[in-house]
C-alpha atoms as a PDB file:
ATOM      1  CA  PRO A   1     103.139  48.513 143.374  1.00  0.00           C
ATOM      2  CA  PHE A   2     102.973  52.420 143.724  1.00  0.00           C
ATOM      3  CA  TRP A   3      99.670  52.243 145.199  1.00  0.00           C
ATOM      4  CA  LEU A   4     100.638  50.880 148.438  1.00  0.00           C
ATOM      5  CA  ASN A   5     103.515  53.489 148.853  1.00  0.00           C
ATOM      6  CA  LEU A   6     101.474  55.681 150.812  1.00  0.00           C
ATOM      7  CA  SER A   7     103.477  56.513 153.476  1.00  0.00           C
ATOM      8  CA  LEU A   8     105.700  59.177 152.257  1.00  0.00           C
ATOM      9  CA  ALA A   9     104.930  62.859 153.148  1.00  0.00           C
ATOM     10  CA  SER A  10     104.920  63.924 149.685  1.00  0.00           C
ATOM     11  CA  GLU A  11     101.664  62.168 149.314  1.00  0.00           C
ATOM     12  CA  VAL A  12      98.149  62.762 150.402  1.00  0.00           C
ATOM     13  CA  LEU A  13      95.897  59.631 150.664  1.00  0.00           C
ATOM     14  CA  VAL A  14      92.420  60.620 149.703  1.00  0.00           C
ATOM     15  CA  GLY A  15      90.940  57.284 149.159  1.00  0.00           C
ATOM     16  CA  ASN A  16      92.248  53.946 150.829  1.00  0.00           C
ATOM     17  CA  PHE A  17      89.969  51.300 149.527  1.00  0.00           C
ATOM     18  CA  GLN A  18      92.828  48.841 149.190  1.00  0.00           C
ATOM     19  CA  ALA A  19      92.705  48.770 153.152  1.00  0.00           C
ATOM     20  CA  GLY A  20      88.968  48.667 153.075  1.00  0.00           C
ATOM     21  CA  ASP A  21      88.613  52.082 154.259  1.00  0.00           C
ATOM     22  CA  LEU A  22      85.699  54.255 153.872  1.00  0.00           C
ATOM     23  CA  SER A  23      86.215  56.762 156.543  1.00  0.00           C
ATOM     24  CA  GLY A  24      85.368  60.025 155.528  1.00  0.00           C
ATOM     25  CA  TRP A  25      83.490  59.147 152.388  1.00  0.00           C
ATOM     26  CA  LYS A  26      79.835  60.066 152.246  1.00  0.00           C
ATOM     27  CA  TYR A  27      76.787  59.569 149.864  1.00  0.00           C
ATOM     28  CA  LYS A  28      75.433  61.954 147.315  1.00  0.00           C
ATOM     29  CA  ILE A  29      72.405  60.822 145.687  1.00  0.00           C
ATOM     30  CA  PHE A  30      71.191  62.397 142.519  1.00  0.00           C
ATOM     31  CA  ASN A  31      68.611  59.920 140.903  1.00  0.00           C
ATOM     32  CA  LYS A  32      68.396  56.596 142.457  1.00  0.00           C
ATOM     33  CA  LYS A  33      71.509  54.976 144.522  1.00  0.00           C
ATOM     34  CA  THR A  34      74.270  53.377 143.064  1.00  0.00           C
ATOM     35  CA  ILE A  35      75.498  51.051 145.029  1.00  0.00           C
ATOM     36  CA  TYR A  36      79.357  51.207 146.355  1.00  0.00           C
ATOM     37  CA  THR A  37      81.310  48.604 148.190  1.00  0.00           C
ATOM     38  CA  ILE A  38      84.509  46.952 148.877  1.00  0.00           C
ATOM     39  CA  GLN A  39      85.564  43.878 147.028  1.00  0.00           C
ATOM     40  CA  LYS A  40      88.755  41.784 146.990  1.00  0.00           C
ATOM     41  CA  ASP A  41      90.075  41.425 143.185  1.00  0.00           C
ATOM     42  CA  ASN A  42      92.475  38.331 143.309  1.00  0.00           C
ATOM     43  CA  VAL A  43      95.289  40.435 141.151  1.00  0.00           C
ATOM     44  CA  PHE A  44      95.127  43.927 143.051  1.00  0.00           C
ATOM     45  CA  GLY A  45      93.473  43.206 146.303  1.00  0.00           C
ATOM     46  CA  ASN A  46      90.490  45.498 147.665  1.00  0.00           C
ATOM     47  CA  LEU A  47      88.856  47.682 145.164  1.00  0.00           C
ATOM     48  CA  LEU A  48      85.674  49.927 145.538  1.00  0.00           C
ATOM     49  CA  VAL A  49      83.328  48.611 143.400  1.00  0.00           C
ATOM     50  CA  ALA A  50      80.326  50.480 142.178  1.00  0.00           C
ATOM     51  CA  ASN A  51      77.113  48.929 140.418  1.00  0.00           C
ATOM     52  CA  SER A  52      74.564  51.363 138.872  1.00  0.00           C
ATOM     53  CA  TYR A  53      71.474  50.362 137.186  1.00  0.00           C
ATOM     54  CA  LYS A  54      69.315  53.373 136.622  1.00  0.00           C
ATOM     55  CA  SER A  55      71.084  55.486 139.078  1.00  0.00           C
ATOM     56  CA  ALA A  56      73.119  58.397 139.816  1.00  0.00           C
ATOM     57  CA  SER A  57      74.691  58.941 143.063  1.00  0.00           C
ATOM     58  CA  GLY A  58      78.539  59.391 143.805  1.00  0.00           C
ATOM     59  CA  MET A  59      80.943  59.065 146.719  1.00  0.00           C
ATOM     60  CA  TYR A  60      82.499  62.407 148.034  1.00  0.00           C
ATOM     61  CA  ARG A  61      85.391  63.297 150.685  1.00  0.00           C
ATOM     62  CA  LYS A  62      85.763  66.697 151.667  1.00  0.00           C
ATOM     63  CA  VAL A  63      89.765  67.294 151.922  1.00  0.00           C
ATOM     64  CA  THR A  64      91.479  70.096 151.389  1.00  0.00           C
ATOM     65  CA  VAL A  65      94.543  69.533 149.293  1.00  0.00           C
ATOM     66  CA  ASP A  66      97.685  71.841 148.747  1.00  0.00           C
ATOM     67  CA  LEU A  67      98.202  72.284 145.074  1.00  0.00           C
ATOM     68  CA  ASN A  68     101.567  73.733 145.558  1.00  0.00           C
ATOM     69  CA  LYS A  69     102.884  70.625 147.594  1.00  0.00           C
ATOM     70  CA  THR A  70     101.168  67.935 145.798  1.00  0.00           C
ATOM     71  CA  PRO A  71      99.228  68.872 142.626  1.00  0.00           C
ATOM     72  CA  CYS A  72      98.996  65.292 140.921  1.00  0.00           C
ATOM     73  CA  LEU A  73      96.057  63.198 141.543  1.00  0.00           C
ATOM     74  CA  ASN A  74      96.655  59.597 141.224  1.00  0.00           C
ATOM     75  CA  TRP A  75      93.679  56.496 140.660  1.00  0.00           C
ATOM     76  CA  SER A  76      92.990  53.583 139.050  1.00  0.00           C
ATOM     77  CA  TRP A  77      89.833  52.235 137.512  1.00  0.00           C
ATOM     78  CA  LYS A  78      88.358  49.401 135.810  1.00  0.00           C
ATOM     79  CA  ILE A  79      84.748  49.247 134.049  1.00  0.00           C
ATOM     80  CA  ASP A  80      82.958  45.933 133.105  1.00  0.00           C
ATOM     81  CA  ASN A  81      81.014  47.555 130.251  1.00  0.00           C
ATOM     82  CA  VAL A  82      80.413  51.138 128.563  1.00  0.00           C
ATOM     83  CA  LEU A  83      76.982  52.452 127.681  1.00  0.00           C
ATOM     84  CA  SER A  84      75.625  52.536 124.274  1.00  0.00           C
ATOM     85  CA  GLY A  85      73.919  55.415 122.243  1.00  0.00           C
ATOM     86  CA  LEU A  86      75.087  58.245 124.015  1.00  0.00           C
ATOM     87  CA  ASP A  87      75.414  61.782 123.355  1.00  0.00           C
ATOM     88  CA  GLU A  88      77.451  62.839 126.348  1.00  0.00           C
ATOM     89  CA  ARG A  89      77.393  66.260 125.264  1.00  0.00           C
ATOM     90  CA  THR A  90      73.664  66.581 126.610  1.00  0.00           C
ATOM     91  CA  LYS A  91      71.503  65.876 129.504  1.00  0.00           C
ATOM     92  CA  ALA A  92      70.012  62.720 127.888  1.00  0.00           C
ATOM     93  CA  GLY A  93      73.369  61.444 127.475  1.00  0.00           C
ATOM     94  CA  ASP A  94      75.430  62.641 130.547  1.00  0.00           C
ATOM     95  CA  ASP A  95      76.125  59.048 131.755  1.00  0.00           C
ATOM     96  CA  TYR A  96      79.403  57.638 132.499  1.00  0.00           C
ATOM     97  CA  PRO A  97      80.524  54.056 133.808  1.00  0.00           C
ATOM     98  CA  ALA A  98      83.571  55.932 135.734  1.00  0.00           C
ATOM     99  CA  ARG A  99      84.208  59.458 136.848  1.00  0.00           C
ATOM    100  CA  ILE A 100      86.744  60.831 139.322  1.00  0.00           C
ATOM    101  CA  TYR A 101      86.295  64.580 139.776  1.00  0.00           C
ATOM    102  CA  VAL A 102      87.944  67.538 141.962  1.00  0.00           C
ATOM    103  CA  VAL A 103      85.978  70.604 143.023  1.00  0.00           C
ATOM    104  CA  LEU A 104      87.124  73.993 144.167  1.00  0.00           C
ATOM    105  CA  SER A 105      84.544  75.153 146.430  1.00  0.00           C
ATOM    106  CA  GLY A 106      83.138  78.696 145.781  1.00  0.00           C
ATOM    107  CA  GLY A 107      81.934  78.681 149.918  1.00  0.00           C
ATOM    108  CA  VAL A 108      78.917  80.756 150.320  1.00  0.00           C
ATOM    109  CA  ALA A 109      79.426  82.180 146.711  1.00  0.00           C
ATOM    110  CA  ILE A 110      78.559  78.800 145.304  1.00  0.00           C
ATOM    111  CA  TRP A 111      78.679  80.490 141.963  1.00  0.00           C
ATOM    112  CA  ASN A 112      82.414  80.454 142.115  1.00  0.00           C
ATOM    113  CA  THR A 113      82.342  76.607 142.668  1.00  0.00           C
ATOM    114  CA  ARG A 114      84.426  74.968 139.420  1.00  0.00           C
ATOM    115  CA  THR A 115      84.851  71.247 138.937  1.00  0.00           C
ATOM    116  CA  ILE A 116      87.224  69.228 136.888  1.00  0.00           C
ATOM    117  CA  ASN A 117      85.192  65.809 135.965  1.00  0.00           C
ATOM    118  CA  TYR A 118      87.843  63.058 134.472  1.00  0.00           C
ATOM    119  CA  VAL A 119      85.569  60.590 132.800  1.00  0.00           C
ATOM    120  CA  TRP A 120      85.732  57.417 130.942  1.00  0.00           C
ATOM    121  CA  SER A 121      83.757  57.929 128.006  1.00  0.00           C
ATOM    122  CA  SER A 122      81.680  55.325 126.369  1.00  0.00           C
ATOM    123  CA  ASN A 123      82.721  56.620 123.157  1.00  0.00           C
ATOM    124  CA  VAL A 124      86.166  55.866 121.847  1.00  0.00           C
ATOM    125  CA  ASN A 125      85.982  59.264 119.749  1.00  0.00           C
ATOM    126  CA  ASN A 126      86.128  61.152 122.999  1.00  0.00           C
ATOM    127  CA  ILE A 127      89.483  60.066 124.190  1.00  0.00           C
ATOM    128  CA  GLY A 128      91.544  62.974 124.926  1.00  0.00           C
ATOM    129  CA  LYS A 129      88.883  65.399 124.519  1.00  0.00           C
ATOM    130  CA  ASN A 130      86.984  67.936 126.743  1.00  0.00           C
ATOM    131  CA  TRP A 131      83.605  69.719 126.812  1.00  0.00           C
ATOM    132  CA  ILE A 132      81.571  71.678 129.337  1.00  0.00           C
ATOM    133  CA  SER A 133      78.979  69.943 131.352  1.00  0.00           C
ATOM    134  CA  ALA A 134      75.622  69.703 129.949  1.00  0.00           C
ATOM    135  CA  TYR A 135      73.989  70.841 133.239  1.00  0.00           C
ATOM    136  CA  THR A 136      76.441  73.580 134.367  1.00  0.00           C
ATOM    137  CA  ASN A 137      79.385  75.733 132.959  1.00  0.00           C
ATOM    138  CA  LYS A 138      80.948  75.543 136.172  1.00  0.00           C
ATOM    139  CA  ALA A 139      82.234  71.788 135.356  1.00  0.00           C
ATOM    140  CA  VAL A 140      84.325  70.699 132.497  1.00  0.00           C
ATOM    141  CA  MET A 141      84.660  67.021 131.473  1.00  0.00           C
ATOM    142  CA  VAL A 142      87.774  65.701 130.462  1.00  0.00           C
ATOM    143  CA  SER A 143      87.647  62.360 128.644  1.00  0.00           C
ATOM    144  CA  LEU A 144      90.875  60.216 129.532  1.00  0.00           C
ATOM    145  CA  GLN A 145      89.583  56.935 128.364  1.00  0.00           C
ATOM    146  CA  GLY A 146      86.853  55.838 125.745  1.00  0.00           C
ATOM    147  CA  GLY A 147      85.005  53.102 124.376  1.00  0.00           C
ATOM    148  CA  PRO A 148      85.476  49.301 125.367  1.00  0.00           C
ATOM    149  CA  ASP A 149      89.344  49.141 124.500  1.00  0.00           C
ATOM    150  CA  ASN A 150      90.518  48.765 128.105  1.00  0.00           C
ATOM    151  CA  LYS A 151      87.292  47.245 129.196  1.00  0.00           C
ATOM    152  CA  GLY A 152      88.283  44.758 131.838  1.00  0.00           C
ATOM    153  CA  ALA A 153      91.866  45.950 132.380  1.00  0.00           C
ATOM    154  CA  LEU A 154      92.717  48.251 135.445  1.00  0.00           C
ATOM    155  CA  VAL A 155      94.193  51.683 134.218  1.00  0.00           C
ATOM    156  CA  PHE A 156      96.299  54.084 136.345  1.00  0.00           C
ATOM    157  CA  GLN A 157      95.864  57.423 135.670  1.00  0.00           C
ATOM    158  CA  LYS A 158      97.896  60.811 136.907  1.00  0.00           C
ATOM    159  CA  ARG A 159      96.792  64.359 136.346  1.00  0.00           C
ATOM    160  CA  ASN A 160      98.286  67.729 137.358  1.00  0.00           C
ATOM    161  CA  ILE A 161      94.940  69.371 138.942  1.00  0.00           C
ATOM    162  CA  LYS A 162      96.931  72.763 139.326  1.00  0.00           C
ATOM    163  CA  LYS A 163      97.638  72.989 135.739  1.00  0.00           C
ATOM    164  CA  ASP A 164      94.280  71.787 134.344  1.00  0.00           C
ATOM    165  CA  PHE A 165      92.646  74.556 136.742  1.00  0.00           C
ATOM    166  CA  LEU A 166      94.757  76.699 135.197  1.00  0.00           C
ATOM    167  CA  LYS A 167      93.999  75.020 131.544  1.00  0.00           C
ATOM    168  CA  TYR A 168      90.230  74.628 131.754  1.00  0.00           C
ATOM    169  CA  PHE A 169      89.262  77.362 134.052  1.00  0.00           C
ATOM    170  CA  LYS A 170      91.893  80.173 133.974  1.00  0.00           C
ATOM    171  CA  LYS A 171      92.131  79.944 137.629  1.00  0.00           C
ATOM    172  CA  ASN A 172      95.718  79.446 139.271  1.00  0.00           C
ATOM    173  CA  THR A 173      94.283  78.118 142.350  1.00  0.00           C
ATOM    174  CA  ASP A 174      96.646  76.583 145.322  1.00  0.00           C
ATOM    175  CA  HIS A 175      94.060  73.944 146.808  1.00  0.00           C
ATOM    176  CA  ILE A 176      91.063  71.770 145.921  1.00  0.00           C
ATOM    177  CA  ASP A 177      88.224  71.127 148.763  1.00  0.00           C
ATOM    178  CA  VAL A 178      86.381  68.032 147.589  1.00  0.00           C
ATOM    179  CA  VAL A 179      87.421  64.444 145.712  1.00  0.00           C
ATOM    180  CA  ALA A 180      84.601  62.358 144.223  1.00  0.00           C
ATOM    181  CA  LEU A 181      83.601  59.883 142.271  1.00  0.00           C
ATOM    182  CA  MET A 182      80.508  58.393 140.354  1.00  0.00           C
ATOM    183  CA  THR A 183      79.203  55.707 138.169  1.00  0.00           C
ATOM    184  CA  ASP A 184      75.954  57.063 136.807  1.00  0.00           C
ATOM    185  CA  THR A 185      73.290  55.525 134.381  1.00  0.00           C
ATOM    186  CA  ASP A 186      70.082  57.216 135.116  1.00  0.00           C
ATOM    187  CA  ASN A 187      69.568  59.381 131.925  1.00  0.00           C
ATOM    188  CA  SER A 188      70.498  56.274 129.827  1.00  0.00           C
ATOM    189  CA  GLY A 189      68.502  53.537 131.879  1.00  0.00           C
ATOM    190  CA  GLN A 190      71.370  51.199 131.867  1.00  0.00           C
ATOM    191  CA  LYS A 191      73.757  48.940 133.781  1.00  0.00           C
ATOM    192  CA  ALA A 192      77.324  49.831 134.460  1.00  0.00           C
ATOM    193  CA  THR A 193      79.995  47.923 136.792  1.00  0.00           C
ATOM    194  CA  THR A 194      83.192  49.828 137.347  1.00  0.00           C
ATOM    195  CA  TYR A 195      86.024  49.143 139.864  1.00  0.00           C
ATOM    196  CA  TYR A 196      88.032  52.007 141.753  1.00  0.00           C
ATOM    197  CA  GLY A 197      91.349  51.719 143.009  1.00  0.00           C
ATOM    198  CA  ASN A 198      92.985  53.943 145.546  1.00  0.00           C
ATOM    199  CA  ILE A 199      93.099  57.667 145.347  1.00  0.00           C
ATOM    200  CA  PHE A 200      95.948  60.020 146.104  1.00  0.00           C
ATOM    201  CA  PHE A 201      97.839  63.228 145.278  1.00  0.00           C
ATOM    202  CA  SER A 202     101.692  63.223 144.869  1.00  0.00           C
ATOM    203  CA  ASP A 203     104.062  65.617 144.265  1.00  0.00           C
ATOM    204  CA  SER A 204     105.210  64.146 141.076  1.00  0.00           C
ATOM    205  CA  CYS A 205     103.617  64.113 137.878  1.00  0.00           C
ATOM    206  CA  GLN A 206     106.111  61.446 136.305  1.00  0.00           C
END
């Protein structure tokens, strides 16, 4: 399986959850703590499992990735449930059962920080759409999955980060500085259980 083929120089491994390795990853709590643990799946081996109940906290890793060499972010995710009754374009509805995001730091000029959030929307009508975060115009939400159609299936995703920064922010960046993930349900007060597979950058987007 491709998520185990991580020894190539053309790949940069960011999250080695398959090996049960969380080294380099840190918690960021926004509102109560989502619980993240490594658990074994009978089919896919170890996955990072997030359990959120009225909580919003993520895990992040500071890692500078050269997008000229490895522009493509690869990951897998699986949800047990979607959230109900949300308008995700509002602060009251800004909850997602799954999100992976990349950050281009502005350094001391924090106002120059830019973030792309790839989300599993709870609304099937949002598939393929993007919108500005309800909390900041420095972040864009990109919906890759929506609704319960793929619920219970481990879905593999791939995005060209260099092209996406150019598309969404008109920035021709050579790198990103942080990779993060989050399962959050604090605004809706609901529950979500989500599974994340290995996260890595590759030179191929095929």
